[in-house]
Protein backbone atom coordinates (compact mmCIF):
# COMPACT_ATOMS: atom_id res chain seq x y z
CA MET A 1 55.49 32.15 -3.37
CA ALA A 2 59.01 32.46 -4.77
CA SER A 3 60.67 35.89 -4.30
CA THR A 4 61.40 37.99 -7.36
CA GLY A 5 63.91 40.18 -5.43
CA GLU A 6 61.41 42.51 -3.74
CA ARG A 7 62.97 45.16 -1.47
CA ILE A 8 61.87 44.94 2.19
CA LEU A 9 62.63 47.61 4.78
CA ILE A 10 62.80 46.22 8.30
CA VAL A 11 62.37 48.90 11.04
CA GLU A 12 63.36 47.18 14.25
CA SER A 13 65.46 48.26 17.25
CA ASP A 14 65.76 44.78 18.78
CA PRO A 15 68.67 42.95 17.05
CA ASP A 16 67.26 39.52 17.90
CA ILE A 17 63.95 40.27 16.20
CA SER A 18 65.80 41.78 13.23
CA ASP A 19 67.96 38.71 12.93
CA LEU A 20 65.09 36.26 13.07
CA VAL A 21 62.89 38.22 10.69
CA GLY A 22 65.59 39.21 8.28
CA ARG A 23 68.46 36.74 8.22
CA GLN A 24 66.61 33.61 9.21
CA ALA A 25 63.13 34.02 7.62
CA LEU A 26 63.39 36.33 4.62
CA GLN A 27 66.98 36.48 3.35
CA PRO A 28 67.08 32.79 2.33
CA LEU A 29 64.07 33.39 0.10
CA GLY A 30 65.91 36.01 -2.01
CA TYR A 31 64.40 39.19 -0.65
CA GLN A 32 66.57 42.35 -0.62
CA LEU A 33 66.63 43.56 2.96
CA THR A 34 67.38 46.98 4.42
CA LEU A 35 67.56 47.42 8.18
CA ALA A 36 66.81 50.58 10.19
CA GLY A 37 66.95 50.86 13.94
CA GLU A 38 64.73 53.85 14.39
CA ALA A 39 62.04 55.88 12.59
CA GLY A 40 64.20 58.75 11.29
CA ALA A 41 66.61 56.37 9.53
CA ALA A 42 63.66 54.37 8.13
CA ILE A 43 62.01 57.51 6.67
CA LYS A 44 65.29 58.57 5.04
CA SER A 45 65.87 55.12 3.59
CA ALA A 46 62.30 54.83 2.27
CA VAL A 47 62.51 58.21 0.55
CA GLN A 48 65.87 57.50 -1.09
CA ASN A 49 65.12 53.93 -2.11
CA PRO A 50 61.38 53.18 -1.98
CA PRO A 51 60.83 49.60 -0.74
CA ASP A 52 58.17 47.13 -1.86
CA LEU A 53 57.24 46.33 1.74
CA ILE A 54 57.92 47.77 5.22
CA LEU A 55 58.01 45.79 8.44
CA ALA A 56 57.97 48.06 11.47
CA ASN A 57 57.81 47.38 15.21
CA LEU A 58 55.26 49.43 17.08
CA ASN A 59 57.75 49.80 19.98
CA LEU A 60 60.41 52.00 18.43
CA PRO A 61 62.60 54.48 20.26
CA GLY A 62 61.67 58.11 19.55
CA LEU A 63 58.83 58.03 17.08
CA SER A 64 56.52 55.09 17.62
CA GLY A 65 55.44 52.68 14.86
CA LYS A 66 52.14 54.55 14.55
CA ASP A 67 54.01 57.85 14.19
CA LEU A 68 56.23 56.24 11.54
CA ILE A 69 53.14 55.24 9.49
CA THR A 70 51.88 58.87 9.55
CA ALA A 71 55.31 60.20 8.61
CA LEU A 72 55.71 57.80 5.70
CA THR A 73 52.28 58.69 4.37
CA SER A 74 53.12 62.39 4.51
CA GLN A 75 56.27 61.73 2.49
CA GLY A 76 54.26 60.01 -0.25
CA ILE A 77 55.57 56.50 0.51
CA ARG A 78 52.93 54.09 -0.75
CA ALA A 79 54.58 50.80 0.11
CA PRO A 80 52.37 48.50 2.28
CA LEU A 81 53.35 48.40 5.92
CA VAL A 82 53.17 45.41 8.31
CA VAL A 83 53.45 46.13 12.03
CA ILE A 84 55.23 43.89 14.50
CA ALA A 85 53.46 43.93 17.86
CA GLU A 86 53.50 42.01 21.09
CA LYS A 87 50.45 40.28 22.45
CA GLY A 88 48.44 42.74 24.53
CA GLN A 89 48.93 45.61 22.03
CA GLU A 90 45.72 44.84 20.16
CA GLN A 91 44.41 48.40 20.60
CA SER A 92 47.61 49.89 19.06
CA VAL A 93 47.35 47.40 16.19
CA ILE A 94 43.79 48.50 15.45
CA GLN A 95 44.92 52.11 15.41
CA SER A 96 47.76 51.17 13.03
CA PHE A 97 45.28 49.59 10.66
CA ARG A 98 43.24 52.81 10.75
CA LEU A 99 46.40 54.70 9.79
CA GLY A 100 47.14 52.41 6.85
CA ALA A 101 48.87 49.22 8.01
CA VAL A 102 47.89 46.15 6.00
CA ASP A 103 48.83 43.29 8.37
CA VAL A 104 50.41 42.38 11.70
CA ILE A 105 53.02 39.95 13.00
CA LEU A 106 52.33 39.08 16.61
CA TRP A 107 55.57 38.53 18.43
CA PRO A 108 56.93 36.02 19.28
CA ALA A 109 56.40 34.43 15.82
CA ARG A 110 57.90 31.54 13.92
CA ASP A 111 59.74 31.85 10.63
CA ALA A 112 56.83 30.37 8.71
CA GLU A 113 54.41 32.89 10.23
CA VAL A 114 56.70 35.77 9.22
CA VAL A 115 57.00 34.45 5.65
CA GLN A 116 53.23 33.90 5.39
CA VAL A 117 52.42 37.47 6.41
CA VAL A 118 55.13 38.92 4.10
CA GLU A 119 53.91 36.90 1.10
CA ARG A 120 50.35 37.87 1.76
CA ALA A 121 51.29 41.59 1.95
CA LEU A 122 53.45 41.37 -1.19
CA GLN A 123 50.60 39.56 -3.03
CA GLN A 124 48.42 42.61 -2.31
CA THR A 125 51.23 44.79 -3.66
CA HIS A 126 51.46 42.78 -6.82
CA GLU A 127 47.70 42.95 -7.32
CA THR A 128 47.75 46.70 -6.73
CA ARG A 129 50.56 47.12 -9.28
CA VAL A 130 48.70 45.07 -11.85
CA ARG A 131 45.56 47.07 -11.21
CA LEU A 132 47.44 50.31 -11.58
CA GLN A 133 49.09 49.07 -14.75
CA LEU A 134 45.69 48.10 -16.16
CA ASP A 135 44.32 51.51 -15.16
CA ARG A 136 47.19 53.20 -17.01
CA GLN A 137 46.66 51.03 -20.03
CA LEU A 138 42.91 51.75 -20.00
CA GLU A 139 43.61 55.47 -19.65
CA ALA A 140 46.01 55.30 -22.61
CA ILE A 141 43.42 53.44 -24.67
CA ASN A 142 40.76 55.97 -23.74
CA GLN A 143 43.05 58.85 -24.73
CA GLU A 144 43.78 57.14 -28.03
CA LEU A 145 40.07 56.59 -28.68
CA GLN A 146 39.33 60.22 -27.85
CA ARG A 147 42.05 61.30 -30.26
CA LYS A 148 40.58 59.07 -32.96
CA VAL A 149 37.11 60.43 -32.38
CA HIS A 150 38.53 63.96 -32.51
CA GLU A 151 40.27 63.20 -35.79
CA LEU A 152 37.24 61.50 -37.37
CA THR A 153 35.02 64.36 -36.23
CA ALA A 154 37.30 66.80 -37.99
CA ILE A 155 37.29 64.79 -41.20
CA LEU A 156 33.50 64.31 -41.02
CA SER A 157 33.03 68.08 -40.65
CA ILE A 158 35.10 68.69 -43.77
CA GLY A 159 33.11 66.02 -45.65
CA LYS A 160 29.83 67.65 -44.67
CA ALA A 161 31.14 71.08 -45.71
CA VAL A 162 32.25 69.78 -49.08
CA THR A 163 28.78 68.53 -49.84
CA SER A 164 26.76 71.40 -48.29
CA THR A 165 28.52 74.65 -49.24
CA THR A 166 29.95 76.32 -52.32
CA ASP A 167 31.71 79.06 -50.34
CA PRO A 168 35.45 78.44 -51.08
CA ARG A 169 36.66 80.54 -48.17
CA ARG A 170 34.71 78.48 -45.63
CA LEU A 171 35.82 75.24 -47.24
CA PHE A 172 39.49 76.22 -47.24
CA LYS A 173 39.27 77.33 -43.62
CA LEU A 174 37.81 73.95 -42.60
CA ILE A 175 40.42 72.08 -44.59
CA VAL A 176 43.30 73.93 -42.88
CA GLU A 177 41.78 73.53 -39.40
CA GLY A 178 41.04 69.83 -40.04
CA ALA A 179 44.61 69.25 -41.13
CA MET A 180 45.91 70.84 -37.92
CA GLN A 181 43.67 68.62 -35.83
CA VAL A 182 44.52 65.28 -37.41
CA ALA A 183 48.25 66.08 -37.50
CA GLU A 184 48.28 67.62 -33.98
CA SER A 185 50.22 70.54 -35.42
CA GLU A 186 50.36 74.20 -34.49
CA THR A 187 50.51 75.64 -38.03
CA SER A 188 48.94 74.76 -41.33
CA TRP A 189 48.40 76.33 -44.71
CA LEU A 190 46.82 75.58 -48.09
CA MET A 191 48.21 76.40 -51.52
CA ILE A 192 46.12 76.12 -54.70
CA ARG A 193 47.50 76.16 -58.26
CA ASP A 194 46.48 79.14 -60.38
CA GLU A 195 44.95 77.88 -63.62
CA ASN A 196 46.57 80.65 -65.68
CA THR A 197 50.10 81.03 -64.21
CA ARG A 198 50.34 77.43 -62.93
CA ALA A 199 51.94 78.80 -59.76
CA PHE A 200 50.82 77.60 -56.32
CA LEU A 201 49.23 80.45 -54.37
CA LEU A 202 48.73 80.76 -50.60
CA THR A 203 44.96 80.40 -50.24
CA ALA A 204 44.27 79.83 -46.53
CA HIS A 205 46.34 79.37 -43.35
CA ARG A 206 46.29 79.11 -39.56
CA ASN A 207 48.99 80.61 -37.31
CA LEU A 208 51.46 81.63 -40.03
CA PRO A 209 53.76 84.51 -38.98
CA GLU A 210 52.81 87.92 -40.43
CA SER A 211 55.74 87.91 -42.86
CA TRP A 212 54.33 84.71 -44.42
CA ALA A 213 50.64 85.49 -44.02
CA LYS A 214 50.89 88.69 -46.05
CA LYS A 215 51.61 86.46 -49.11
CA ILE A 216 47.92 85.48 -49.25
CA ASN A 217 46.82 84.89 -52.88
CA GLN A 218 50.49 85.02 -53.88
CA PRO A 219 53.17 82.36 -54.41
CA LEU A 220 54.84 81.29 -51.12
CA ASP A 221 58.25 79.66 -51.13
CA ASP A 222 58.53 77.51 -47.98
CA GLY A 223 61.33 75.42 -49.41
CA ILE A 224 59.63 71.99 -49.41
CA SER A 225 56.26 72.38 -51.13
CA SER A 226 57.91 72.63 -54.56
CA LEU A 227 59.33 69.13 -54.05
CA VAL A 228 55.90 67.62 -53.57
CA ALA A 229 54.48 69.62 -56.45
CA VAL A 230 56.92 67.72 -58.66
CA SER A 231 56.86 64.27 -57.02
CA ALA A 232 53.10 64.21 -56.27
CA GLU A 233 53.92 62.14 -53.19
CA THR A 234 53.38 62.94 -49.48
CA LEU A 235 56.53 64.17 -47.75
CA SER A 236 57.18 63.98 -43.97
CA ILE A 237 60.42 65.43 -42.57
CA HIS A 238 61.67 66.32 -39.07
CA GLY A 239 64.73 67.12 -37.01
CA GLY A 240 68.05 67.78 -38.64
CA PRO A 241 67.02 67.18 -42.27
CA LEU A 242 64.34 69.87 -41.92
CA GLU A 243 66.86 72.55 -40.89
CA LYS A 244 68.07 73.19 -44.45
CA PHE A 245 64.54 74.41 -45.50
CA LYS A 246 62.87 77.74 -44.76
CA VAL A 247 59.96 76.03 -43.04
CA ALA A 248 62.34 75.09 -40.18
CA SER A 249 61.77 78.58 -38.75
CA LEU A 250 58.18 77.52 -37.89
CA GLY A 251 58.86 74.15 -36.23
CA ARG A 252 60.84 70.95 -36.02
CA SER A 253 58.53 68.64 -37.93
CA ALA A 254 56.57 69.13 -41.14
CA ALA A 255 54.52 67.28 -43.73
CA VAL A 256 53.33 68.26 -47.21
CA VAL A 257 50.43 66.39 -48.82
CA PRO A 258 49.54 66.85 -52.52
CA ILE A 259 45.96 67.58 -53.51
CA LYS A 260 45.40 65.71 -56.73
CA VAL A 261 42.81 65.25 -59.42
CA GLN A 262 43.80 61.83 -60.77
CA SER A 263 47.63 62.25 -61.11
CA GLU A 264 47.63 66.01 -61.52
CA VAL A 265 48.67 68.11 -58.46
CA ILE A 266 46.31 71.02 -58.11
CA GLY A 267 47.10 72.01 -54.53
CA LEU A 268 49.36 71.43 -51.54
CA LEU A 269 48.42 71.00 -47.84
CA ILE A 270 51.18 71.72 -45.32
CA VAL A 271 51.33 71.20 -41.55
CA VAL A 272 54.15 72.05 -39.10
CA ARG A 273 54.70 70.85 -35.52
CA LYS A 274 56.91 72.80 -33.13
CA ALA A 275 58.10 69.61 -31.45
CA ASP A 276 60.69 67.35 -33.08
CA ARG A 277 58.15 64.53 -33.38
CA GLU A 278 57.67 62.73 -36.71
CA ILE A 279 54.35 63.04 -38.46
CA ASP A 280 53.89 59.25 -38.82
CA LYS A 281 52.09 57.13 -41.38
CA VAL A 282 48.79 57.22 -39.46
CA ALA A 283 48.78 61.01 -39.41
CA GLN A 284 49.84 61.09 -43.03
CA SER A 285 46.90 58.85 -43.99
CA LEU A 286 44.51 61.17 -42.18
CA LEU A 287 46.07 64.21 -43.89
CA GLU A 288 45.68 62.50 -47.26
CA ALA A 289 41.98 61.95 -46.44
CA VAL A 290 41.65 65.68 -45.77
CA ALA A 291 43.49 66.35 -49.07
CA ASP A 292 41.00 64.10 -50.88
CA TYR A 293 38.12 66.17 -49.53
CA ALA A 294 40.00 69.34 -50.64
CA SER A 295 40.28 67.81 -54.10
CA ILE A 296 36.56 67.07 -54.18
CA SER A 297 35.75 70.63 -53.07
CA LEU A 298 37.98 72.14 -55.75
CA VAL A 299 36.47 69.96 -58.49
CA ASN A 300 32.98 70.84 -57.25
CA ALA A 301 33.90 74.54 -57.31
CA ARG A 302 35.15 74.25 -60.88
CA LEU A 303 32.00 72.41 -61.95
CA PHE A 304 29.86 75.03 -60.23
CA ARG A 305 31.64 77.76 -62.13
CA VAL A 306 31.10 75.93 -65.39
CA VAL A 307 27.39 75.54 -64.65
CA GLU A 308 27.12 79.27 -63.82
CA GLN A 309 28.94 80.15 -67.04
CA ASN A 310 26.68 77.86 -69.08
CA ALA A 311 23.58 79.32 -67.43
CA GLU A 312 24.79 82.85 -68.19
CA ALA A 313 25.55 81.89 -71.74
CA ALA A 314 22.08 80.41 -72.11
CA LYS A 315 20.56 83.64 -70.80
CA VAL A 316 22.58 85.64 -73.38
CA ASN A 317 21.55 83.27 -76.17
CA GLU A 318 17.87 83.52 -75.21
CA LYS A 319 18.09 87.30 -75.14
CA GLN A 320 19.75 87.28 -78.58
CA ARG A 321 17.08 84.92 -79.92
CA LEU A 322 14.26 87.14 -78.67
CA THR A 323 15.96 90.18 -80.14
CA MET A 324 16.25 88.41 -83.52
CA LEU A 325 12.58 87.38 -83.36
CA GLU A 326 11.52 90.89 -82.50
CA SER A 327 13.62 92.22 -85.39
CA LEU A 328 12.10 89.62 -87.74
CA ARG A 329 8.60 90.53 -86.60
CA GLU A 330 9.26 94.20 -87.28
CA SER A 331 10.65 93.35 -90.70
CA ILE A 332 7.63 91.24 -91.57
CA ARG A 333 5.25 93.93 -90.34
CA GLU A 334 7.05 96.53 -92.48
CA GLU A 335 6.95 94.28 -95.52
CA ILE A 336 3.24 93.61 -94.98
CA GLN A 337 2.56 97.34 -94.67
CA VAL A 338 4.49 97.99 -97.85
CA SER A 339 2.54 95.25 -99.63
CA MET A 340 -0.84 96.59 -98.40
CA TYR A 341 -0.45 100.01 -100.06
CA PRO A 342 -0.61 98.82 -103.74
CA LEU A 343 -3.35 96.36 -102.86
CA ASP A 344 -5.44 99.12 -101.34
CA ALA A 345 -4.80 101.24 -104.43
CA LEU A 346 -5.86 98.48 -106.80
CA LEU A 347 -8.98 97.64 -104.82
CA SER A 348 -10.00 101.32 -104.62
CA GLY A 349 -10.16 101.46 -108.44
CA LYS A 350 -7.64 104.30 -108.65
CA SER A 351 -5.50 102.27 -110.97
CA GLY A 352 -8.37 101.28 -113.19
CA ALA A 353 -11.37 99.03 -113.13
CA LEU A 354 -10.97 95.39 -112.04
CA THR A 355 -12.84 92.38 -113.13
CA ALA A 356 -14.79 90.50 -110.53
CA GLU A 357 -12.24 87.76 -110.58
CA GLN A 358 -9.29 90.12 -110.17
CA GLU A 359 -11.01 91.96 -107.35
CA GLN A 360 -11.74 88.66 -105.56
CA ALA A 361 -8.14 87.50 -105.95
CA LEU A 362 -6.79 90.76 -104.56
CA LYS A 363 -9.14 90.65 -101.60
CA THR A 364 -7.97 87.10 -100.87
CA ILE A 365 -4.37 88.29 -100.83
CA GLN A 366 -5.32 91.26 -98.66
CA SER A 367 -7.07 89.02 -96.11
CA SER A 368 -4.07 86.67 -95.97
CA LEU A 369 -1.68 89.58 -95.30
CA GLN A 370 -3.98 90.94 -92.58
CA ARG A 371 -4.18 87.50 -90.89
CA LEU A 372 -0.37 87.19 -91.07
CA SER A 373 0.04 90.62 -89.44
CA ARG A 374 -2.40 89.78 -86.63
CA SER A 375 -0.72 86.38 -86.07
CA GLY A 376 2.68 88.03 -85.67
CA GLU A 377 1.28 90.35 -83.01
CA LYS A 378 -0.29 87.46 -81.06
CA THR A 379 2.82 85.30 -81.02
CA VAL A 380 5.55 87.88 -80.46
CA VAL A 381 4.02 90.61 -78.35
CA PRO A 382 3.08 88.33 -75.38
CA ARG A 383 6.69 87.03 -75.24
CA ALA A 384 7.93 90.61 -75.05
CA ALA A 385 5.40 91.42 -72.34
CA LYS A 386 6.41 88.33 -70.40
CA LYS A 387 10.07 89.35 -70.63
CA GLY A 388 9.20 92.80 -69.32
CA ASN A 389 7.38 91.29 -66.31
CA GLY A 390 10.51 89.17 -65.47
């Protein structure tokens, strides 16, 4: 295996062994070598410049090779360690493996044997690094997936709320909270255009300072929303350019998303991050999805108000119709009563004798008027009674 410049720390007090292992066997292959004659110097070198591999003799002055393994582990040095031992030290080698050594060079050894052990140990190092890199990549992917799930959950909650509730306060609260989640911001607020004054009023918010929050249901000048109200395009701004606007007092990064019905801006959704980290295109797209839900909720609220107004108007019209019918019934009854008096007088003979034909004609008229009076009572009175029961 060709060297890629790996750093190898050789801990050896015998200069002959150091020369054979280092200068003769490893240096020609391109390895970067560091020599240490005793354990203390080896620990200091490994802490200051962590090696890719450590070769350490078990027979060191002062601290032994086994003590060196324990000391390196306590210092957080994770480089694999190969021990150099003489034949007859098998028991010490086994103890070294238990402490964390990965391989052994039994001395005396040839150049090829040294290189073989080193390459085998470094191969394990490479595999460990690849595995750790894959683990980090997997962790990053998992975190990104969790973030996406979190964002989509927030948007789904808003979507469900839009279709399941007509309470504007709850809707606006969910919209503001959803915007904070998808933008990973600390502050958010919602401004809705007043239909009469055409001004944008602070309708809902999260984490606004008291001096801003007291503007609820009033116009709020944050310095940047008015730009989006005119352009009808999403605006993301951070760092130095943001400092000229009032909103810079809340954070270092901000975005304003218009809430539109077709091309008309009816609201503004604002998020602010404390960190100087741009609200990128992905976050903007998610915020625009939240704004679309806000638009749907506002349109639904308007339609609901229209339906309520129409229903109320229908109730008023029905009441007026019944009143007119009742008035007409009373008028008809009065007219019938007025007409009955002269008929009764004629039929009684007080106004003179009647021929049989005249009397029959008057009785026919009298019967018709009586039927008309009874018919009016049957058709109008039950309606009035039904209304009273309601």
